[in-house]
Amino acid sequence: MFSPDTERVIPRPRIKFASLILQTLFVVLFILVLVWVIFEPDRFRQIGNVENFILYIFLAFFILTALVGLVNRWNQQRMWKIFAEEMGFQVEQKNRFTTPVIKGTYRGHPVTIKASVERQGRNQIHYTNFMVQLNNPHRSTFTIKKRRLTHLKREPTGDGEIDRKLTIKISSDRLLQQILKSHRLRQGLLELGERARTRDLFFNGKTLHYKERGQITDLEYMRAVIGYMIEMTKLIERMEQIGM
């Protein structure tokens, strides 16, 4: 049995079925062609123009890839506008082909949600960025990332589960202790972006910034992320007020 999401601070994001179906169709097509080439090479060689056949396969690949990208972008635009309307935020969009930027105020703090694209080699990686601005800046800074094999230099927190899953660099041990002392904040750190390949939570003293790989369109998940970040922001501000 699966544990109910009501026990979670951050719900698991829903799977994008439209994108998944298109990707599955391409994989099935690729496997069928590969099986044909391997098990019936004579019949494959009988094709009048093998070069054209291979070209068509690559063309189908690029068309399906572009179609998946268009579906994801269209769905992101649609869902983000719904999210902005529900939350009472404003939407800024340069043109109909760009992903909108969401801005507003939630529980007394300025909030911004925007997409970004980074190039890694020949690939373009999509990210979703959540930013909450503090009303009273804090002197501390931190970076919390999903632990990777490349993270050789780590600073153990003393929390075994946190240390297994996350890499934390923080300028204030007191701030870290207060975050881990709160059940909701600690649990949220573990649940943020569980299915994402990369996820990073940054704090530069003025802005709390959460960055997750992928084009997020799950409204429940987005609301939970913003709510969680507001909770952490308020804790940081309280600590600054009492001089911790």
Foldseek 3Di string as FASTA:
>chain_A
DDDDCVVALFRDADDDVVLVVLVVVLVVVVVVVVCCCVPPVVVQVPPPDNVVVVVVNVVVVVVSVVVSVVVLQVLLQVLVVVLCVVQVWDWDDPDPNARIWTWDADPHWTKIKDKDWDDDPPDIWIKIKIKTWAPAFFPKKKKKKFDDPPPPDADDLPDVVSVVTIGMDIPDNVLVVVQCVDPNSVSCSCPPQPVFPIWMWIDDRTMTMIMTTDSGRRSSSVVSVVVSVVVSSVVRVVCVVVVD
